[in-house]
Amino acid sequence: MAEGERSVLLVLHDVAPETWADYQPFVEAVDALGNVPMTWLVVPDFHKRNPLARDRQFQQLLTKRLARGDELALHGYYHCDDSPPPRTPKDYFMRRVFTWEGEFYTLDHAQALARLHAGIELFQRLGWPLHGFVAPAWLMSQGTRQALGELPLRYTSDAQHLYRLPDFTAIQAPGIVWSARSAWRRGMSKIVSDHLQHKYQTAPTLRLGVHPVDMRHEFSRRYWLQTLMRLMENGRTPMTKIHWLQTTRLALRSAA
């Protein structure tokens, strides 16, 4: 990436066969804008209901997205918290108030490693390149972090950073997400998102983290499409996460 160039990273969370109906109109609208690569966060067996390994049609769709220049990343394995019930007030808040989907929040090293290996094996079996892992709700236990340091992955992330693996080198990559399950949440999300766009208007990159629930409401779906268009009109280049990391590393080397 040239010095001073700014980017926008469009990231689709919770990608699974059952969420494609939510995403399809939005993806088609983005495709109509031209060459806008996206990062798809793929869940191998969303809530243990519909394994991707059994859905040949959706596999083919994602393979075609790769051919268009999109990126597929691993997003948990089940995307649901199936660990024993929380025992402390902090755990209760994180696992029942903040989210019910913090799959990797409590896993020990062996548990996290097993699920990561299973996800990696699925990508390998389908012939999909895999560079990144994103934990559901960005929640990772110490055991998960340890496991990620042992695997041939390039990055992970939280709400405001990307981390190069295996050493977890932090890179500022601010993100915007919505809470869209009710009208008042959508209204508040717009206010917060507008503020964050202004705050990070000069940041080298800005991540737009969209979710299936955002796509179920015209207000939020239109917001994401218009925001993407505006950021591109203001000079931000759309990229996938791995492309941005690669170009950022090249820029750092050139400046050294």
C-alpha atoms as a PDB file:
ATOM      1  CA  MET A   1       0.000   0.000   0.000  1.00  0.00           C
ATOM      2  CA  ALA A   2       1.372   3.406  -0.946  1.00  0.00           C
ATOM      3  CA  GLU A   3       2.167   5.809   1.871  1.00  0.00           C
ATOM      4  CA  GLY A   4      -0.942   7.752   2.783  1.00  0.00           C
ATOM      5  CA  GLU A   5      -3.317   5.381   0.991  1.00  0.00           C
ATOM      6  CA  ARG A   6      -6.413   4.514   2.988  1.00  0.00           C
ATOM      7  CA  SER A   7      -8.531   1.389   2.783  1.00  0.00           C
ATOM      8  CA  VAL A   8     -11.889  -0.005   3.833  1.00  0.00           C
ATOM      9  CA  LEU A   9     -12.334  -3.664   4.777  1.00  0.00           C
ATOM     10  CA  LEU A  10     -15.853  -5.049   4.322  1.00  0.00           C
ATOM     11  CA  VAL A  11     -16.254  -8.088   6.595  1.00  0.00           C
ATOM     12  CA  LEU A  12     -19.292 -10.388   6.566  1.00  0.00           C
ATOM     13  CA  HIS A  13     -19.704 -12.123   9.942  1.00  0.00           C
ATOM     14  CA  ASP A  14     -21.507 -15.412  10.678  1.00  0.00           C
ATOM     15  CA  VAL A  15     -21.402 -16.739   7.136  1.00  0.00           C
ATOM     16  CA  ALA A  16     -23.229 -20.063   6.926  1.00  0.00           C
ATOM     17  CA  PRO A  17     -25.817 -21.741   4.695  1.00  0.00           C
ATOM     18  CA  GLU A  18     -28.702 -20.480   6.834  1.00  0.00           C
ATOM     19  CA  THR A  19     -27.520 -16.843   6.792  1.00  0.00           C
ATOM     20  CA  TRP A  20     -27.025 -16.616   3.029  1.00  0.00           C
ATOM     21  CA  ALA A  21     -30.659 -15.614   2.450  1.00  0.00           C
ATOM     22  CA  ASP A  22     -30.032 -12.599   4.698  1.00  0.00           C
ATOM     23  CA  TYR A  23     -26.836 -11.635   2.923  1.00  0.00           C
ATOM     24  CA  GLN A  24     -27.713 -12.288  -0.709  1.00  0.00           C
ATOM     25  CA  PRO A  25     -29.428  -8.946  -1.555  1.00  0.00           C
ATOM     26  CA  PHE A  26     -26.632  -6.991   0.138  1.00  0.00           C
ATOM     27  CA  VAL A  27     -23.866  -8.954  -1.587  1.00  0.00           C
ATOM     28  CA  GLU A  28     -25.559  -8.451  -4.931  1.00  0.00           C
ATOM     29  CA  ALA A  29     -25.766  -4.706  -4.275  1.00  0.00           C
ATOM     30  CA  VAL A  30     -22.082  -4.585  -3.346  1.00  0.00           C
ATOM     31  CA  ASP A  31     -21.148  -6.582  -6.443  1.00  0.00           C
ATOM     32  CA  ALA A  32     -23.032  -4.030  -8.547  1.00  0.00           C
ATOM     33  CA  LEU A  33     -20.619  -1.333  -7.331  1.00  0.00           C
ATOM     34  CA  GLY A  34     -17.760  -2.994  -9.181  1.00  0.00           C
ATOM     35  CA  ASN A  35     -14.604  -4.569  -7.803  1.00  0.00           C
ATOM     36  CA  VAL A  36     -15.243  -4.639  -4.057  1.00  0.00           C
ATOM     37  CA  PRO A  37     -13.475  -7.602  -2.419  1.00  0.00           C
ATOM     38  CA  MET A  38     -14.925  -8.844   0.855  1.00  0.00           C
ATOM     39  CA  THR A  39     -13.784 -11.017   3.746  1.00  0.00           C
ATOM     40  CA  TRP A  40     -16.305 -13.726   4.600  1.00  0.00           C
ATOM     41  CA  LEU A  41     -16.125 -15.092   8.158  1.00  0.00           C
ATOM     42  CA  VAL A  42     -17.214 -18.697   7.671  1.00  0.00           C
ATOM     43  CA  VAL A  43     -18.752 -20.836  10.437  1.00  0.00           C
ATOM     44  CA  PRO A  44     -18.322 -24.579   9.726  1.00  0.00           C
ATOM     45  CA  ASP A  45     -21.425 -25.706  11.670  1.00  0.00           C
ATOM     46  CA  PHE A  46     -23.498 -22.699  12.714  1.00  0.00           C
ATOM     47  CA  HIS A  47     -25.164 -23.431  16.069  1.00  0.00           C
ATOM     48  CA  LYS A  48     -24.763 -27.162  15.316  1.00  0.00           C
ATOM     49  CA  ARG A  49     -27.707 -27.008  12.916  1.00  0.00           C
ATOM     50  CA  ASN A  50     -26.454 -27.130   9.350  1.00  0.00           C
ATOM     51  CA  PRO A  51     -22.882 -28.341   8.726  1.00  0.00           C
ATOM     52  CA  LEU A  52     -21.227 -26.597   5.808  1.00  0.00           C
ATOM     53  CA  ALA A  53     -19.579 -29.906   4.922  1.00  0.00           C
ATOM     54  CA  ARG A  54     -22.993 -31.238   3.838  1.00  0.00           C
ATOM     55  CA  ASP A  55     -24.092 -28.230   1.781  1.00  0.00           C
ATOM     56  CA  ARG A  56     -22.553 -28.672  -1.631  1.00  0.00           C
ATOM     57  CA  GLN A  57     -24.364 -25.713  -3.157  1.00  0.00           C
ATOM     58  CA  PHE A  58     -23.093 -23.266  -0.552  1.00  0.00           C
ATOM     59  CA  GLN A  59     -19.586 -24.667  -0.847  1.00  0.00           C
ATOM     60  CA  GLN A  60     -19.700 -23.923  -4.563  1.00  0.00           C
ATOM     61  CA  LEU A  61     -20.935 -20.399  -3.905  1.00  0.00           C
ATOM     62  CA  LEU A  62     -18.016 -19.683  -1.580  1.00  0.00           C
ATOM     63  CA  THR A  63     -15.553 -21.201  -4.042  1.00  0.00           C
ATOM     64  CA  LYS A  64     -16.859 -18.784  -6.668  1.00  0.00           C
ATOM     65  CA  ARG A  65     -16.388 -15.892  -4.223  1.00  0.00           C
ATOM     66  CA  LEU A  66     -12.740 -16.854  -3.864  1.00  0.00           C
ATOM     67  CA  ALA A  67     -12.401 -16.759  -7.635  1.00  0.00           C
ATOM     68  CA  ARG A  68     -13.778 -13.185  -7.584  1.00  0.00           C
ATOM     69  CA  GLY A  69     -11.010 -12.106  -5.217  1.00  0.00           C
ATOM     70  CA  ASP A  70     -12.808 -12.420  -1.886  1.00  0.00           C
ATOM     71  CA  GLU A  71     -11.260 -13.962   1.221  1.00  0.00           C
ATOM     72  CA  LEU A  72     -12.678 -16.731   3.403  1.00  0.00           C
ATOM     73  CA  ALA A  73     -11.650 -16.763   7.084  1.00  0.00           C
ATOM     74  CA  LEU A  74     -12.532 -19.198   9.868  1.00  0.00           C
ATOM     75  CA  HIS A  75     -15.078 -17.821  12.343  1.00  0.00           C
ATOM     76  CA  GLY A  76     -15.222 -20.187  15.282  1.00  0.00           C
ATOM     77  CA  TYR A  77     -16.570 -23.655  14.611  1.00  0.00           C
ATOM     78  CA  TYR A  78     -20.129 -23.738  16.024  1.00  0.00           C
ATOM     79  CA  HIS A  79     -20.501 -20.030  16.870  1.00  0.00           C
ATOM     80  CA  CYS A  80     -22.378 -20.910  20.057  1.00  0.00           C
ATOM     81  CA  ASP A  81     -21.264 -21.132  23.672  1.00  0.00           C
ATOM     82  CA  ASP A  82     -21.626 -24.810  24.568  1.00  0.00           C
ATOM     83  CA  SER A  83     -19.326 -24.724  27.622  1.00  0.00           C
ATOM     84  CA  PRO A  84     -20.642 -25.439  31.150  1.00  0.00           C
ATOM     85  CA  PRO A  85     -22.784 -22.622  32.632  1.00  0.00           C
ATOM     86  CA  PRO A  86     -20.957 -19.537  33.956  1.00  0.00           C
ATOM     87  CA  ARG A  87     -19.999 -19.581  37.634  1.00  0.00           C
ATOM     88  CA  THR A  88     -18.834 -16.026  38.337  1.00  0.00           C
ATOM     89  CA  PRO A  89     -20.571 -12.662  37.847  1.00  0.00           C
ATOM     90  CA  LYS A  90     -17.956 -11.647  35.264  1.00  0.00           C
ATOM     91  CA  ASP A  91     -18.439 -14.830  33.266  1.00  0.00           C
ATOM     92  CA  TYR A  92     -22.202 -14.483  33.488  1.00  0.00           C
ATOM     93  CA  PHE A  93     -22.032 -10.969  32.081  1.00  0.00           C
ATOM     94  CA  MET A  94     -19.673 -11.909  29.253  1.00  0.00           C
ATOM     95  CA  ARG A  95     -21.502 -15.114  28.318  1.00  0.00           C
ATOM     96  CA  ARG A  96     -25.148 -14.271  28.931  1.00  0.00           C
ATOM     97  CA  VAL A  97     -25.438 -10.460  28.713  1.00  0.00           C
ATOM     98  CA  PHE A  98     -22.681  -9.349  26.330  1.00  0.00           C
ATOM     99  CA  THR A  99     -23.206 -12.395  24.114  1.00  0.00           C
ATOM    100  CA  TRP A 100     -24.480 -15.965  24.072  1.00  0.00           C
ATOM    101  CA  GLU A 101     -22.070 -16.862  21.269  1.00  0.00           C
ATOM    102  CA  GLY A 102     -18.615 -16.565  22.856  1.00  0.00           C
ATOM    103  CA  GLU A 103     -17.621 -20.064  21.760  1.00  0.00           C
ATOM    104  CA  PHE A 104     -13.881 -19.645  22.380  1.00  0.00           C
ATOM    105  CA  TYR A 105     -14.146 -17.564  25.567  1.00  0.00           C
ATOM    106  CA  THR A 106     -13.767 -20.449  28.037  1.00  0.00           C
ATOM    107  CA  LEU A 107     -12.047 -23.188  26.017  1.00  0.00           C
ATOM    108  CA  ASP A 108      -8.791 -24.590  27.328  1.00  0.00           C
ATOM    109  CA  HIS A 109      -5.807 -25.156  25.063  1.00  0.00           C
ATOM    110  CA  ALA A 110      -6.747 -28.691  24.009  1.00  0.00           C
ATOM    111  CA  GLN A 111     -10.386 -27.806  23.325  1.00  0.00           C
ATOM    112  CA  ALA A 112      -9.499 -24.724  21.301  1.00  0.00           C
ATOM    113  CA  LEU A 113      -6.835 -26.575  19.346  1.00  0.00           C
ATOM    114  CA  ALA A 114      -9.248 -29.388  18.454  1.00  0.00           C
ATOM    115  CA  ARG A 115     -11.864 -26.987  17.074  1.00  0.00           C
ATOM    116  CA  LEU A 116      -9.282 -24.943  15.204  1.00  0.00           C
ATOM    117  CA  HIS A 117      -7.823 -28.102  13.658  1.00  0.00           C
ATOM    118  CA  ALA A 118     -11.321 -29.189  12.626  1.00  0.00           C
ATOM    119  CA  GLY A 119     -11.963 -25.854  10.919  1.00  0.00           C
ATOM    120  CA  ILE A 120      -8.588 -25.853   9.187  1.00  0.00           C
ATOM    121  CA  GLU A 121      -9.171 -29.408   7.976  1.00  0.00           C
ATOM    122  CA  LEU A 122     -12.515 -28.407   6.469  1.00  0.00           C
ATOM    123  CA  PHE A 123     -10.919 -25.543   4.536  1.00  0.00           C
ATOM    124  CA  GLN A 124      -8.164 -27.865   3.312  1.00  0.00           C
ATOM    125  CA  ARG A 125     -10.666 -30.506   2.210  1.00  0.00           C
ATOM    126  CA  LEU A 126     -12.595 -27.910   0.207  1.00  0.00           C
ATOM    127  CA  GLY A 127      -9.435 -26.448  -1.316  1.00  0.00           C
ATOM    128  CA  TRP A 128      -9.885 -23.020   0.262  1.00  0.00           C
ATOM    129  CA  PRO A 129      -6.838 -20.976   1.304  1.00  0.00           C
ATOM    130  CA  LEU A 130      -7.014 -19.959   4.956  1.00  0.00           C
ATOM    131  CA  HIS A 131      -5.103 -17.061   6.478  1.00  0.00           C
ATOM    132  CA  GLY A 132      -7.191 -15.849   9.410  1.00  0.00           C
ATOM    133  CA  PHE A 133      -9.310 -16.855  12.361  1.00  0.00           C
ATOM    134  CA  VAL A 134     -11.819 -14.601  14.125  1.00  0.00           C
ATOM    135  CA  ALA A 135     -13.386 -15.793  17.381  1.00  0.00           C
ATOM    136  CA  PRO A 136     -17.150 -15.264  17.719  1.00  0.00           C
ATOM    137  CA  ALA A 137     -17.760 -11.935  19.481  1.00  0.00           C
ATOM    138  CA  TRP A 138     -13.937 -11.543  19.365  1.00  0.00           C
ATOM    139  CA  LEU A 139     -13.713 -13.389  22.701  1.00  0.00           C
ATOM    140  CA  MET A 140     -10.657 -15.611  23.147  1.00  0.00           C
ATOM    141  CA  SER A 141      -9.448 -17.537  26.179  1.00  0.00           C
ATOM    142  CA  GLN A 142      -5.772 -17.797  26.998  1.00  0.00           C
ATOM    143  CA  GLY A 143      -5.942 -21.393  25.784  1.00  0.00           C
ATOM    144  CA  THR A 144      -7.251 -20.149  22.428  1.00  0.00           C
ATOM    145  CA  ARG A 145      -4.428 -17.634  22.132  1.00  0.00           C
ATOM    146  CA  GLN A 146      -1.907 -20.345  22.931  1.00  0.00           C
ATOM    147  CA  ALA A 147      -3.411 -22.657  20.309  1.00  0.00           C
ATOM    148  CA  LEU A 148      -3.391 -19.942  17.643  1.00  0.00           C
ATOM    149  CA  GLY A 149       0.310 -19.411  18.259  1.00  0.00           C
ATOM    150  CA  GLU A 150       0.937 -23.032  17.261  1.00  0.00           C
ATOM    151  CA  LEU A 151      -0.959 -23.044  13.953  1.00  0.00           C
ATOM    152  CA  PRO A 152      -0.058 -21.930  10.405  1.00  0.00           C
ATOM    153  CA  LEU A 153      -2.444 -18.963  10.431  1.00  0.00           C
ATOM    154  CA  ARG A 154      -1.474 -15.398   9.566  1.00  0.00           C
ATOM    155  CA  TYR A 155      -3.807 -13.311  11.706  1.00  0.00           C
ATOM    156  CA  THR A 156      -6.631 -12.992  14.184  1.00  0.00           C
ATOM    157  CA  SER A 157      -8.511  -9.890  15.329  1.00  0.00           C
ATOM    158  CA  ASP A 158     -10.589  -8.157  17.944  1.00  0.00           C
ATOM    159  CA  ALA A 159     -12.898  -5.159  17.656  1.00  0.00           C
ATOM    160  CA  GLN A 160     -10.116  -2.613  17.128  1.00  0.00           C
ATOM    161  CA  HIS A 161      -7.010  -4.543  16.058  1.00  0.00           C
ATOM    162  CA  LEU A 162      -5.662  -7.156  13.738  1.00  0.00           C
ATOM    163  CA  TYR A 163      -2.965  -9.375  15.246  1.00  0.00           C
ATOM    164  CA  ARG A 164      -0.204 -10.983  13.251  1.00  0.00           C
ATOM    165  CA  LEU A 165       0.342 -14.573  14.245  1.00  0.00           C
ATOM    166  CA  PRO A 166       2.085 -16.375  15.810  1.00  0.00           C
ATOM    167  CA  ASP A 167       3.354 -13.577  18.074  1.00  0.00           C
ATOM    168  CA  PHE A 168       0.118 -11.508  18.308  1.00  0.00           C
ATOM    169  CA  THR A 169       1.720  -8.307  17.026  1.00  0.00           C
ATOM    170  CA  ALA A 170      -1.082  -5.736  17.289  1.00  0.00           C
ATOM    171  CA  ILE A 171      -1.973  -3.477  14.358  1.00  0.00           C
ATOM    172  CA  GLN A 172      -4.539  -0.719  14.738  1.00  0.00           C
ATOM    173  CA  ALA A 173      -7.527  -1.499  12.527  1.00  0.00           C
ATOM    174  CA  PRO A 174     -10.613   0.231  13.982  1.00  0.00           C
ATOM    175  CA  GLY A 175     -13.952  -1.358  13.290  1.00  0.00           C
ATOM    176  CA  ILE A 176     -17.601  -0.350  13.173  1.00  0.00           C
ATOM    177  CA  VAL A 177     -20.388  -2.781  14.055  1.00  0.00           C
ATOM    178  CA  TRP A 178     -24.086  -2.446  14.809  1.00  0.00           C
ATOM    179  CA  SER A 179     -26.486  -3.899  17.323  1.00  0.00           C
ATOM    180  CA  ALA A 180     -29.542  -4.190  15.096  1.00  0.00           C
ATOM    181  CA  ARG A 181     -32.011  -6.423  16.942  1.00  0.00           C
ATOM    182  CA  SER A 182     -34.414  -3.604  17.845  1.00  0.00           C
ATOM    183  CA  ALA A 183     -35.337  -0.191  16.474  1.00  0.00           C
ATOM    184  CA  TRP A 184     -33.776   1.729  19.360  1.00  0.00           C
ATOM    185  CA  ARG A 185     -30.528  -0.273  19.015  1.00  0.00           C
ATOM    186  CA  ARG A 186     -30.385   0.481  15.310  1.00  0.00           C
ATOM    187  CA  GLY A 187     -30.923   4.169  15.974  1.00  0.00           C
ATOM    188  CA  MET A 188     -28.210   4.249  18.610  1.00  0.00           C
ATOM    189  CA  SER A 189     -25.879   2.230  16.395  1.00  0.00           C
ATOM    190  CA  LYS A 190     -26.185   4.819  13.639  1.00  0.00           C
ATOM    191  CA  ILE A 191     -25.293   7.633  16.016  1.00  0.00           C
ATOM    192  CA  VAL A 192     -22.263   5.754  17.350  1.00  0.00           C
ATOM    193  CA  SER A 193     -21.155   4.654  13.884  1.00  0.00           C
ATOM    194  CA  ASP A 194     -21.328   8.189  12.481  1.00  0.00           C
ATOM    195  CA  HIS A 195     -19.182   9.355  15.387  1.00  0.00           C
ATOM    196  CA  LEU A 196     -16.628   6.604  14.803  1.00  0.00           C
ATOM    197  CA  GLN A 197     -16.427   7.363  11.094  1.00  0.00           C
ATOM    198  CA  HIS A 198     -15.567  10.955  11.930  1.00  0.00           C
ATOM    199  CA  LYS A 199     -13.109   9.917  14.634  1.00  0.00           C
ATOM    200  CA  TYR A 200     -11.257   7.526  12.309  1.00  0.00           C
ATOM    201  CA  GLN A 201     -11.545   9.480   9.078  1.00  0.00           C
ATOM    202  CA  THR A 202      -7.748   9.654   8.731  1.00  0.00           C
ATOM    203  CA  ALA A 203      -7.029   6.110   9.946  1.00  0.00           C
ATOM    204  CA  PRO A 204      -5.130   3.961   7.419  1.00  0.00           C
ATOM    205  CA  THR A 205      -7.937   1.425   7.389  1.00  0.00           C
ATOM    206  CA  LEU A 206     -11.495   1.096   8.649  1.00  0.00           C
ATOM    207  CA  ARG A 207     -13.356  -2.199   9.065  1.00  0.00           C
ATOM    208  CA  LEU A 208     -17.082  -2.486   8.424  1.00  0.00           C
ATOM    209  CA  GLY A 209     -18.265  -5.553  10.354  1.00  0.00           C
ATOM    210  CA  VAL A 210     -21.725  -6.499   9.140  1.00  0.00           C
ATOM    211  CA  HIS A 211     -23.926  -9.270  10.534  1.00  0.00           C
ATOM    212  CA  PRO A 212     -26.921 -11.222   9.213  1.00  0.00           C
ATOM    213  CA  VAL A 213     -29.320  -9.409  11.554  1.00  0.00           C
ATOM    214  CA  ASP A 214     -28.243  -6.089   9.990  1.00  0.00           C
ATOM    215  CA  MET A 215     -29.440  -7.395   6.642  1.00  0.00           C
ATOM    216  CA  ARG A 216     -32.955  -8.099   7.940  1.00  0.00           C
ATOM    217  CA  HIS A 217     -33.765  -4.404   8.334  1.00  0.00           C
ATOM    218  CA  GLU A 218     -33.830  -1.933   5.463  1.00  0.00           C
ATOM    219  CA  PHE A 219     -32.530   0.860   7.707  1.00  0.00           C
ATOM    220  CA  SER A 220     -29.327  -0.929   8.687  1.00  0.00           C
ATOM    221  CA  ARG A 221     -28.775  -2.645   5.337  1.00  0.00           C
ATOM    222  CA  ARG A 222     -29.048   0.678   3.515  1.00  0.00           C
ATOM    223  CA  TYR A 223     -26.707   2.303   6.038  1.00  0.00           C
ATOM    224  CA  TRP A 224     -23.939  -0.212   5.376  1.00  0.00           C
ATOM    225  CA  LEU A 225     -24.227   0.088   1.605  1.00  0.00           C
ATOM    226  CA  GLN A 226     -24.275   3.874   1.671  1.00  0.00           C
ATOM    227  CA  THR A 227     -21.373   3.980   4.120  1.00  0.00           C
ATOM    228  CA  LEU A 228     -19.291   1.709   1.921  1.00  0.00           C
ATOM    229  CA  MET A 229     -20.050   3.857  -1.125  1.00  0.00           C
ATOM    230  CA  ARG A 230     -19.207   7.067   0.711  1.00  0.00           C
ATOM    231  CA  LEU A 231     -15.904   5.731   2.032  1.00  0.00           C
ATOM    232  CA  MET A 232     -14.914   4.613  -1.446  1.00  0.00           C
ATOM    233  CA  GLU A 233     -15.898   7.984  -2.912  1.00  0.00           C
ATOM    234  CA  ASN A 234     -13.716   9.620  -0.261  1.00  0.00           C
ATOM    235  CA  GLY A 235     -10.688   7.708  -1.477  1.00  0.00           C
ATOM    236  CA  ARG A 236     -10.645   4.491   0.514  1.00  0.00           C
ATOM    237  CA  THR A 237      -9.668   1.381  -1.438  1.00  0.00           C
ATOM    238  CA  PRO A 238     -11.700  -1.751  -0.645  1.00  0.00           C
ATOM    239  CA  MET A 239      -9.528  -4.713   0.384  1.00  0.00           C
ATOM    240  CA  THR A 240      -9.728  -8.060   2.114  1.00  0.00           C
ATOM    241  CA  LYS A 241      -8.100  -8.451   5.512  1.00  0.00           C
ATOM    242  CA  ILE A 242      -5.231 -10.572   4.227  1.00  0.00           C
ATOM    243  CA  HIS A 243      -4.543  -8.216   1.313  1.00  0.00           C
ATOM    244  CA  TRP A 244      -4.407  -5.263   3.677  1.00  0.00           C
ATOM    245  CA  LEU A 245      -2.018  -7.088   6.006  1.00  0.00           C
ATOM    246  CA  GLN A 246       0.222  -8.038   3.104  1.00  0.00           C
ATOM    247  CA  THR A 247       0.338  -4.520   1.686  1.00  0.00           C
ATOM    248  CA  THR A 248       0.868  -3.041   5.146  1.00  0.00           C
ATOM    249  CA  ARG A 249       3.874  -5.300   5.683  1.00  0.00           C
ATOM    250  CA  LEU A 250       5.293  -4.324   2.302  1.00  0.00           C
ATOM    251  CA  ALA A 251       4.841  -0.631   3.123  1.00  0.00           C
ATOM    252  CA  LEU A 252       6.631  -1.079   6.452  1.00  0.00           C
ATOM    253  CA  ARG A 253       9.523  -2.828   4.738  1.00  0.00           C
ATOM    254  CA  SER A 254       9.792  -0.070   2.129  1.00  0.00           C
ATOM    255  CA  ALA A 255       9.937   2.575   4.845  1.00  0.00           C
ATOM    256  CA  ALA A 256      12.619   0.723   6.818  1.00  0.00           C
END
